[in-house]
Amino acid sequence: MRRFDSAAADLVPGMRVRVRIARHEPWGVFVTILENPDVAASVDAAVIDSPSGSPRALPGEYPAVGTEADAVVQTVRRWFPPVLVRLTLRSADLREFRWGCDLCGTPTVLSPGGDGIVLDARSADGPGGTALVAHRSCVIERLHRDSLEGARIRLLGRKTRTAPD
């Protein structure tokens, strides 16, 4: 069985990536993720900073085609082919990216050092998957009391050990 969803396995919400603007659309822009050029990615006008103060960037405010920029992964959709990645270019999101916890509904910080984690859900039966965003505490309090995973979840993404020289 070939899994189409493996193309974006290394992309998770909250991750910072480098992009090149590929083309403009009325709703936003298509981009190429430089580290993962085979994955379709887009940025909605609502998550591009607007110098005019508009709630959505106006087409004339989009970054120029060919421009490189930093972006943050907002969502990764791997339900069916092709894998689709939505990004944000907002400067506020580059500083600290927040997204709603799928367990309690309140925002969690997915930027480095934040209280959020991403759970990858896939089936052994076939391709397709989804990512759940949650506070570490929301996941830990729902684990069975004898589970050892709570200790591991507390450490996910944290620099607790150094690699041998």
N, C-alpha and C. Protein backbone atom coordinates (compact mmCIF):
# COMPACT_ATOMS: atom_id res chain seq x y z
N MET A 1 0.84 -1.17 0.00
CA MET A 1 0.00 0.00 0.00
C MET A 1 0.89 1.24 0.00
N ARG A 2 0.59 2.16 -0.87
CA ARG A 2 1.35 3.41 -0.96
C ARG A 2 0.58 4.49 -0.22
N ARG A 3 1.25 5.22 0.65
CA ARG A 3 0.60 6.26 1.45
C ARG A 3 0.91 7.63 0.87
N PHE A 4 -0.11 8.31 0.34
CA PHE A 4 0.08 9.66 -0.19
C PHE A 4 0.42 10.63 0.94
N ASP A 5 -0.04 10.33 2.15
CA ASP A 5 0.08 11.25 3.27
C ASP A 5 1.49 11.34 3.84
N SER A 6 2.39 10.50 3.40
CA SER A 6 3.76 10.57 3.92
C SER A 6 4.51 11.78 3.37
N ALA A 7 4.01 12.39 2.30
CA ALA A 7 4.68 13.55 1.70
C ALA A 7 4.84 14.70 2.68
N ALA A 8 3.92 14.86 3.61
CA ALA A 8 3.97 15.98 4.56
C ALA A 8 4.17 15.51 5.99
N ALA A 9 4.71 14.31 6.15
CA ALA A 9 4.86 13.74 7.49
C ALA A 9 5.75 14.59 8.39
N ASP A 10 6.66 15.36 7.81
CA ASP A 10 7.57 16.17 8.60
C ASP A 10 7.05 17.58 8.87
N LEU A 11 5.84 17.90 8.42
CA LEU A 11 5.25 19.22 8.65
C LEU A 11 4.18 19.12 9.73
N VAL A 12 4.27 19.97 10.73
CA VAL A 12 3.27 19.98 11.81
C VAL A 12 2.85 21.42 12.10
N PRO A 13 1.61 21.62 12.52
CA PRO A 13 1.18 22.96 12.89
C PRO A 13 2.11 23.59 13.93
N GLY A 14 2.41 24.87 13.71
CA GLY A 14 3.30 25.60 14.60
C GLY A 14 4.74 25.63 14.13
N MET A 15 5.07 24.78 13.16
CA MET A 15 6.44 24.71 12.65
C MET A 15 6.73 25.90 11.74
N ARG A 16 7.91 26.45 11.89
CA ARG A 16 8.34 27.56 11.03
C ARG A 16 9.02 27.00 9.79
N VAL A 17 8.66 27.54 8.63
CA VAL A 17 9.22 27.09 7.35
C VAL A 17 9.59 28.30 6.51
N ARG A 18 10.39 28.07 5.50
CA ARG A 18 10.76 29.11 4.55
C ARG A 18 10.01 28.84 3.26
N VAL A 19 9.40 29.88 2.68
CA VAL A 19 8.58 29.71 1.48
C VAL A 19 9.00 30.69 0.39
N ARG A 20 8.60 30.35 -0.83
CA ARG A 20 8.75 31.26 -1.97
C ARG A 20 7.35 31.47 -2.53
N ILE A 21 6.96 32.71 -2.75
CA ILE A 21 5.64 33.03 -3.29
C ILE A 21 5.61 32.54 -4.74
N ALA A 22 4.64 31.65 -5.06
CA ALA A 22 4.57 31.06 -6.40
C ALA A 22 3.60 31.81 -7.31
N ARG A 23 2.41 32.16 -6.76
CA ARG A 23 1.46 32.94 -7.58
C ARG A 23 0.39 33.55 -6.68
N HIS A 24 -0.20 34.60 -7.19
CA HIS A 24 -1.28 35.32 -6.50
C HIS A 24 -2.63 34.80 -6.96
N GLU A 25 -3.58 34.77 -6.05
CA GLU A 25 -4.98 34.44 -6.33
C GLU A 25 -5.83 35.50 -5.62
N PRO A 26 -7.09 35.68 -5.99
CA PRO A 26 -7.93 36.67 -5.31
C PRO A 26 -8.05 36.41 -3.80
N TRP A 27 -8.00 35.15 -3.38
CA TRP A 27 -8.18 34.76 -1.97
C TRP A 27 -6.88 34.74 -1.17
N GLY A 28 -5.71 34.83 -1.85
CA GLY A 28 -4.42 34.74 -1.16
C GLY A 28 -3.32 34.34 -2.12
N VAL A 29 -2.38 33.52 -1.64
CA VAL A 29 -1.24 33.15 -2.47
C VAL A 29 -0.95 31.65 -2.37
N PHE A 30 -0.44 31.09 -3.46
CA PHE A 30 0.15 29.76 -3.43
C PHE A 30 1.63 29.96 -3.18
N VAL A 31 2.22 29.06 -2.40
CA VAL A 31 3.64 29.15 -2.09
C VAL A 31 4.30 27.78 -2.28
N THR A 32 5.60 27.82 -2.40
CA THR A 32 6.41 26.61 -2.39
C THR A 32 7.16 26.59 -1.07
N ILE A 33 7.02 25.50 -0.32
CA ILE A 33 7.79 25.34 0.91
C ILE A 33 9.17 24.86 0.48
N LEU A 34 10.19 25.65 0.74
CA LEU A 34 11.52 25.34 0.22
C LEU A 34 12.05 24.01 0.73
N GLU A 35 11.72 23.65 1.97
CA GLU A 35 12.19 22.38 2.54
C GLU A 35 11.36 21.19 2.06
N ASN A 36 10.21 21.44 1.44
CA ASN A 36 9.29 20.37 1.05
C ASN A 36 8.54 20.80 -0.22
N PRO A 37 9.23 20.97 -1.34
CA PRO A 37 8.64 21.59 -2.53
C PRO A 37 7.54 20.78 -3.22
N ASP A 38 7.38 19.50 -2.90
CA ASP A 38 6.37 18.68 -3.57
C ASP A 38 4.99 18.75 -2.92
N VAL A 39 4.87 19.49 -1.83
CA VAL A 39 3.60 19.58 -1.10
C VAL A 39 2.89 20.88 -1.47
N ALA A 40 1.61 20.80 -1.79
CA ALA A 40 0.82 21.99 -2.12
C ALA A 40 0.61 22.83 -0.86
N ALA A 41 0.89 24.13 -0.96
CA ALA A 41 0.75 25.00 0.20
C ALA A 41 0.18 26.35 -0.23
N SER A 42 -0.63 26.94 0.67
CA SER A 42 -1.26 28.23 0.38
C SER A 42 -1.35 29.07 1.63
N VAL A 43 -1.56 30.37 1.41
CA VAL A 43 -1.73 31.33 2.49
C VAL A 43 -2.95 32.17 2.17
N ASP A 44 -3.94 32.18 3.04
CA ASP A 44 -5.15 32.97 2.85
C ASP A 44 -4.84 34.44 3.13
N ALA A 45 -5.52 35.32 2.45
CA ALA A 45 -5.30 36.77 2.62
C ALA A 45 -5.53 37.22 4.07
N ALA A 46 -6.36 36.48 4.82
CA ALA A 46 -6.63 36.85 6.22
C ALA A 46 -5.43 36.63 7.12
N VAL A 47 -4.43 35.86 6.66
CA VAL A 47 -3.24 35.62 7.49
C VAL A 47 -1.98 36.16 6.82
N ILE A 48 -2.17 37.24 6.07
CA ILE A 48 -1.06 38.03 5.52
C ILE A 48 -1.23 39.42 6.11
N ASP A 49 -0.18 39.98 6.71
CA ASP A 49 -0.27 41.32 7.29
C ASP A 49 -0.71 42.33 6.23
N SER A 50 -1.60 43.23 6.63
CA SER A 50 -2.11 44.26 5.74
C SER A 50 -1.62 45.63 6.20
N PRO A 51 -0.70 46.24 5.46
CA PRO A 51 -0.22 47.57 5.84
C PRO A 51 -1.33 48.62 5.90
N SER A 52 -2.42 48.41 5.14
CA SER A 52 -3.53 49.37 5.14
C SER A 52 -4.43 49.19 6.36
N GLY A 53 -4.24 48.11 7.13
CA GLY A 53 -5.08 47.86 8.29
C GLY A 53 -6.33 47.06 8.00
N SER A 54 -6.49 46.62 6.77
CA SER A 54 -7.63 45.79 6.39
C SER A 54 -7.55 44.45 7.12
N PRO A 55 -8.70 43.85 7.48
CA PRO A 55 -8.66 42.55 8.15
C PRO A 55 -8.08 41.44 7.26
N ARG A 56 -8.14 41.62 5.95
CA ARG A 56 -7.54 40.70 4.98
C ARG A 56 -6.61 41.53 4.11
N ALA A 57 -5.43 40.99 3.84
CA ALA A 57 -4.52 41.71 2.95
C ALA A 57 -5.21 41.90 1.60
N LEU A 58 -5.04 43.07 1.04
CA LEU A 58 -5.57 43.36 -0.28
C LEU A 58 -4.61 42.77 -1.32
N PRO A 59 -5.09 42.38 -2.49
CA PRO A 59 -4.19 41.78 -3.48
C PRO A 59 -2.91 42.56 -3.74
N GLY A 60 -2.97 43.86 -3.71
CA GLY A 60 -1.77 44.68 -3.91
C GLY A 60 -0.80 44.61 -2.74
N GLU A 61 -1.24 44.06 -1.60
CA GLU A 61 -0.39 43.95 -0.41
C GLU A 61 0.26 42.58 -0.28
N TYR A 62 -0.08 41.66 -1.17
CA TYR A 62 0.54 40.33 -1.13
C TYR A 62 2.03 40.45 -1.39
N PRO A 63 2.84 39.57 -0.81
CA PRO A 63 4.27 39.57 -1.15
C PRO A 63 4.44 39.29 -2.65
N ALA A 64 5.44 39.88 -3.25
CA ALA A 64 5.67 39.72 -4.69
C ALA A 64 6.00 38.27 -5.05
N VAL A 65 5.55 37.84 -6.22
CA VAL A 65 5.86 36.51 -6.72
C VAL A 65 7.38 36.38 -6.80
N GLY A 66 7.90 35.25 -6.32
CA GLY A 66 9.34 35.01 -6.30
C GLY A 66 10.01 35.39 -5.00
N THR A 67 9.31 36.17 -4.15
CA THR A 67 9.85 36.58 -2.87
C THR A 67 9.93 35.39 -1.92
N GLU A 68 10.98 35.33 -1.12
CA GLU A 68 11.08 34.33 -0.06
C GLU A 68 10.68 34.97 1.26
N ALA A 69 10.04 34.16 2.12
CA ALA A 69 9.58 34.67 3.41
C ALA A 69 9.52 33.54 4.42
N ASP A 70 9.51 33.89 5.70
CA ASP A 70 9.26 32.92 6.76
C ASP A 70 7.76 32.78 6.91
N ALA A 71 7.31 31.56 7.22
CA ALA A 71 5.89 31.29 7.43
C ALA A 71 5.77 30.27 8.56
N VAL A 72 4.55 30.11 9.07
CA VAL A 72 4.26 29.11 10.09
C VAL A 72 3.17 28.20 9.55
N VAL A 73 3.36 26.89 9.75
CA VAL A 73 2.35 25.91 9.35
C VAL A 73 1.12 26.09 10.25
N GLN A 74 -0.02 26.30 9.62
CA GLN A 74 -1.28 26.47 10.34
C GLN A 74 -2.01 25.12 10.43
N THR A 75 -2.21 24.48 9.29
CA THR A 75 -2.87 23.17 9.25
C THR A 75 -2.23 22.31 8.16
N VAL A 76 -2.32 21.00 8.36
CA VAL A 76 -1.87 20.03 7.37
C VAL A 76 -3.05 19.09 7.15
N ARG A 77 -3.59 19.07 5.95
CA ARG A 77 -4.75 18.24 5.62
C ARG A 77 -4.30 17.02 4.82
N ARG A 78 -4.40 15.86 5.45
CA ARG A 78 -3.97 14.62 4.82
C ARG A 78 -5.12 13.62 4.76
N TRP A 79 -6.34 14.11 4.62
CA TRP A 79 -7.51 13.22 4.59
C TRP A 79 -7.58 12.45 3.29
N PHE A 80 -7.25 13.11 2.20
CA PHE A 80 -7.29 12.50 0.86
C PHE A 80 -6.30 13.26 0.00
N PRO A 81 -5.84 12.65 -1.10
CA PRO A 81 -4.85 13.35 -1.93
C PRO A 81 -5.46 14.55 -2.64
N PRO A 82 -4.69 15.58 -2.89
CA PRO A 82 -3.31 15.76 -2.45
C PRO A 82 -3.26 16.32 -1.02
N VAL A 83 -2.12 16.15 -0.39
CA VAL A 83 -1.90 16.76 0.92
C VAL A 83 -1.92 18.28 0.72
N LEU A 84 -2.63 18.99 1.60
CA LEU A 84 -2.72 20.45 1.50
C LEU A 84 -2.23 21.08 2.80
N VAL A 85 -1.35 22.05 2.66
CA VAL A 85 -0.81 22.73 3.83
C VAL A 85 -1.24 24.19 3.77
N ARG A 86 -1.79 24.67 4.88
CA ARG A 86 -2.16 26.09 5.00
C ARG A 86 -1.14 26.74 5.93
N LEU A 87 -0.69 27.90 5.53
CA LEU A 87 0.34 28.61 6.27
C LEU A 87 -0.15 29.99 6.67
N THR A 88 0.57 30.62 7.58
CA THR A 88 0.32 32.01 7.93
C THR A 88 1.62 32.80 7.75
N LEU A 89 1.47 34.02 7.27
CA LEU A 89 2.60 34.94 7.12
C LEU A 89 2.51 36.10 8.12
N ARG A 90 1.50 36.10 8.99
CA ARG A 90 1.35 37.21 9.93
C ARG A 90 2.55 37.30 10.86
N SER A 91 3.03 38.50 11.05
CA SER A 91 4.20 38.70 11.92
C SER A 91 3.89 38.26 13.36
N ALA A 92 2.66 38.47 13.81
CA ALA A 92 2.28 38.03 15.17
C ALA A 92 2.39 36.51 15.29
N ASP A 93 2.00 35.78 14.25
CA ASP A 93 2.08 34.32 14.28
C ASP A 93 3.53 33.84 14.20
N LEU A 94 4.37 34.60 13.54
CA LEU A 94 5.79 34.24 13.50
C LEU A 94 6.43 34.39 14.88
N ARG A 95 5.92 35.35 15.66
CA ARG A 95 6.43 35.52 17.03
C ARG A 95 5.88 34.46 17.97
N GLU A 96 4.56 34.20 17.86
CA GLU A 96 3.91 33.22 18.74
C GLU A 96 2.65 32.72 18.04
N PHE A 97 2.67 31.45 17.65
CA PHE A 97 1.54 30.88 16.93
C PHE A 97 0.59 30.18 17.90
N ARG A 98 -0.68 30.61 17.89
CA ARG A 98 -1.73 30.04 18.73
C ARG A 98 -2.78 29.36 17.86
N TRP A 99 -3.30 28.25 18.36
CA TRP A 99 -4.37 27.53 17.66
C TRP A 99 -5.26 26.88 18.71
N GLY A 100 -6.53 26.67 18.39
CA GLY A 100 -7.47 26.10 19.34
C GLY A 100 -7.16 24.65 19.69
N CYS A 101 -7.21 24.34 20.97
CA CYS A 101 -7.03 22.97 21.45
C CYS A 101 -8.24 22.14 21.03
N ASP A 102 -8.00 21.00 20.39
CA ASP A 102 -9.09 20.14 19.94
C ASP A 102 -9.77 19.41 21.10
N LEU A 103 -9.23 19.49 22.31
CA LEU A 103 -9.84 18.83 23.46
C LEU A 103 -10.66 19.78 24.33
N CYS A 104 -10.14 21.01 24.57
CA CYS A 104 -10.88 21.93 25.43
C CYS A 104 -11.40 23.17 24.69
N GLY A 105 -10.87 23.43 23.49
CA GLY A 105 -11.35 24.55 22.69
C GLY A 105 -10.66 25.87 22.92
N THR A 106 -9.85 26.01 23.96
CA THR A 106 -9.16 27.27 24.20
C THR A 106 -7.82 27.28 23.46
N PRO A 107 -7.31 28.47 23.12
CA PRO A 107 -6.05 28.53 22.37
C PRO A 107 -4.86 27.96 23.14
N THR A 108 -3.97 27.35 22.39
CA THR A 108 -2.72 26.84 22.93
C THR A 108 -1.59 27.38 22.06
N VAL A 109 -0.42 27.55 22.63
CA VAL A 109 0.73 28.07 21.91
C VAL A 109 1.53 26.91 21.33
N LEU A 110 1.66 26.89 19.99
CA LEU A 110 2.41 25.84 19.32
C LEU A 110 3.83 26.25 18.97
N SER A 111 4.19 27.50 19.21
CA SER A 111 5.55 27.96 18.95
C SER A 111 6.50 27.29 19.94
N PRO A 112 7.80 27.24 19.62
CA PRO A 112 8.76 26.65 20.56
C PRO A 112 8.60 27.25 21.96
N GLY A 113 8.60 26.35 22.95
CA GLY A 113 8.43 26.76 24.34
C GLY A 113 6.99 26.88 24.77
N GLY A 114 6.04 26.68 23.83
CA GLY A 114 4.62 26.80 24.15
C GLY A 114 4.07 25.59 24.87
N ASP A 115 2.79 25.69 25.23
CA ASP A 115 2.14 24.62 25.99
C ASP A 115 1.36 23.65 25.11
N GLY A 116 1.48 23.79 23.78
CA GLY A 116 0.73 22.94 22.87
C GLY A 116 1.56 21.85 22.24
N ILE A 117 0.89 20.77 21.86
CA ILE A 117 1.52 19.68 21.12
C ILE A 117 0.59 19.29 19.98
N VAL A 118 1.12 18.55 19.03
CA VAL A 118 0.35 18.07 17.90
C VAL A 118 0.38 16.54 17.93
N LEU A 119 -0.81 15.95 17.91
CA LEU A 119 -0.93 14.49 17.88
C LEU A 119 -1.26 14.07 16.46
N ASP A 120 -0.48 13.17 15.91
CA ASP A 120 -0.68 12.70 14.55
C ASP A 120 -1.54 11.44 14.61
N ALA A 121 -2.65 11.44 13.89
CA ALA A 121 -3.55 10.28 13.88
C ALA A 121 -3.60 9.69 12.48
N ARG A 122 -3.20 8.41 12.37
CA ARG A 122 -3.23 7.70 11.10
C ARG A 122 -3.71 6.28 11.37
N SER A 123 -4.21 5.65 10.36
CA SER A 123 -4.72 4.30 10.48
C SER A 123 -3.81 3.31 9.78
N ALA A 124 -3.72 2.11 10.30
CA ALA A 124 -2.96 1.05 9.64
C ALA A 124 -3.73 0.50 8.44
N ASP A 125 -5.03 0.83 8.35
CA ASP A 125 -5.88 0.31 7.28
C ASP A 125 -5.65 0.96 5.93
N GLY A 126 -5.05 2.14 5.92
CA GLY A 126 -4.85 2.82 4.64
C GLY A 126 -4.43 4.24 4.83
N PRO A 127 -4.20 4.93 3.72
CA PRO A 127 -3.70 6.31 3.80
C PRO A 127 -4.75 7.28 4.32
N GLY A 128 -4.26 8.44 4.64
CA GLY A 128 -5.10 9.49 5.20
C GLY A 128 -4.75 9.68 6.66
N GLY A 129 -4.89 10.87 7.12
CA GLY A 129 -4.57 11.15 8.51
C GLY A 129 -5.02 12.54 8.89
N THR A 130 -4.84 12.85 10.14
CA THR A 130 -5.19 14.17 10.63
C THR A 130 -4.27 14.52 11.79
N ALA A 131 -4.20 15.76 12.12
CA ALA A 131 -3.40 16.24 13.25
C ALA A 131 -4.33 16.87 14.26
N LEU A 132 -4.19 16.48 15.50
CA LEU A 132 -4.96 17.07 16.59
C LEU A 132 -4.03 18.00 17.37
N VAL A 133 -4.50 19.19 17.66
CA VAL A 133 -3.75 20.16 18.44
C VAL A 133 -4.31 20.15 19.85
N ALA A 134 -3.43 20.12 20.85
CA ALA A 134 -3.91 20.07 22.24
C ALA A 134 -2.88 20.68 23.19
N HIS A 135 -3.38 21.14 24.33
CA HIS A 135 -2.50 21.52 25.43
C HIS A 135 -1.87 20.22 25.96
N ARG A 136 -0.62 20.29 26.40
CA ARG A 136 -0.01 19.12 27.02
C ARG A 136 -0.88 18.64 28.18
N SER A 137 -1.34 19.58 28.99
CA SER A 137 -2.13 19.23 30.17
C SER A 137 -3.45 18.55 29.80
N CYS A 138 -4.09 18.96 28.71
CA CYS A 138 -5.34 18.32 28.29
C CYS A 138 -5.12 16.86 27.91
N VAL A 139 -4.00 16.58 27.25
CA VAL A 139 -3.71 15.19 26.88
C VAL A 139 -3.35 14.38 28.13
N ILE A 140 -2.49 14.93 28.96
CA ILE A 140 -2.02 14.21 30.15
C ILE A 140 -3.18 13.87 31.08
N GLU A 141 -4.13 14.79 31.28
CA GLU A 141 -5.23 14.51 32.21
C GLU A 141 -6.21 13.48 31.66
N ARG A 142 -6.16 13.22 30.35
CA ARG A 142 -7.05 12.22 29.76
C ARG A 142 -6.40 10.83 29.63
N LEU A 143 -5.12 10.75 29.93
CA LEU A 143 -4.44 9.45 29.87
C LEU A 143 -4.81 8.59 31.08
N HIS A 144 -4.75 7.31 30.89
CA HIS A 144 -4.96 6.38 32.00
C HIS A 144 -3.91 6.65 33.06
N ARG A 145 -4.29 6.57 34.32
CA ARG A 145 -3.38 6.94 35.41
C ARG A 145 -2.10 6.10 35.44
N ASP A 146 -2.14 4.89 34.87
CA ASP A 146 -0.95 4.03 34.87
C ASP A 146 -0.09 4.22 33.62
N SER A 147 -0.52 5.08 32.71
CA SER A 147 0.24 5.29 31.47
C SER A 147 1.54 6.03 31.75
N LEU A 148 2.58 5.61 31.07
CA LEU A 148 3.88 6.28 31.17
C LEU A 148 4.00 7.42 30.16
N GLU A 149 3.01 7.56 29.28
CA GLU A 149 3.10 8.56 28.21
C GLU A 149 3.04 9.99 28.73
N GLY A 150 2.44 10.23 29.87
CA GLY A 150 2.38 11.58 30.42
C GLY A 150 3.77 12.18 30.61
N ALA A 151 4.70 11.37 31.12
CA ALA A 151 6.07 11.85 31.32
C ALA A 151 6.72 12.17 29.97
N ARG A 152 6.45 11.36 28.97
CA ARG A 152 7.02 11.62 27.65
C ARG A 152 6.41 12.87 27.03
N ILE A 153 5.10 13.06 27.19
CA ILE A 153 4.43 14.22 26.63
C ILE A 153 4.95 15.51 27.26
N ARG A 154 5.25 15.47 28.55
CA ARG A 154 5.82 16.66 29.20
C ARG A 154 7.14 17.07 28.56
N LEU A 155 7.88 16.10 28.01
CA LEU A 155 9.21 16.37 27.46
C LEU A 155 9.23 16.59 25.95
N LEU A 156 8.13 16.31 25.25
CA LEU A 156 8.11 16.45 23.79
C LEU A 156 8.58 17.83 23.36
N GLY A 157 9.56 17.85 22.46
CA GLY A 157 10.04 19.11 21.92
C GLY A 157 10.95 19.91 22.84
N ARG A 158 11.09 19.48 24.04
CA ARG A 158 11.94 20.20 24.99
C ARG A 158 13.36 19.66 24.88
N LYS A 159 14.32 20.53 25.00
CA LYS A 159 15.72 20.10 24.94
C LYS A 159 16.15 19.65 26.34
N THR A 160 16.05 18.33 26.55
CA THR A 160 16.36 17.79 27.87
C THR A 160 17.68 17.06 27.88
N ARG A 161 18.13 16.61 26.71
CA ARG A 161 19.39 15.87 26.63
C ARG A 161 20.20 16.44 25.49
N THR A 162 21.47 16.26 25.57
CA THR A 162 22.32 16.65 24.45
C THR A 162 22.80 15.39 23.76
N ALA A 163 22.98 15.45 22.48
CA ALA A 163 23.47 14.31 21.72
C ALA A 163 24.94 14.09 22.00
N PRO A 164 25.38 12.85 21.97
CA PRO A 164 26.82 12.59 22.20
C PRO A 164 27.65 13.24 21.09
N ASP A 165 28.85 13.64 21.43
CA ASP A 165 29.75 14.27 20.44
C ASP A 165 30.20 13.29 19.40
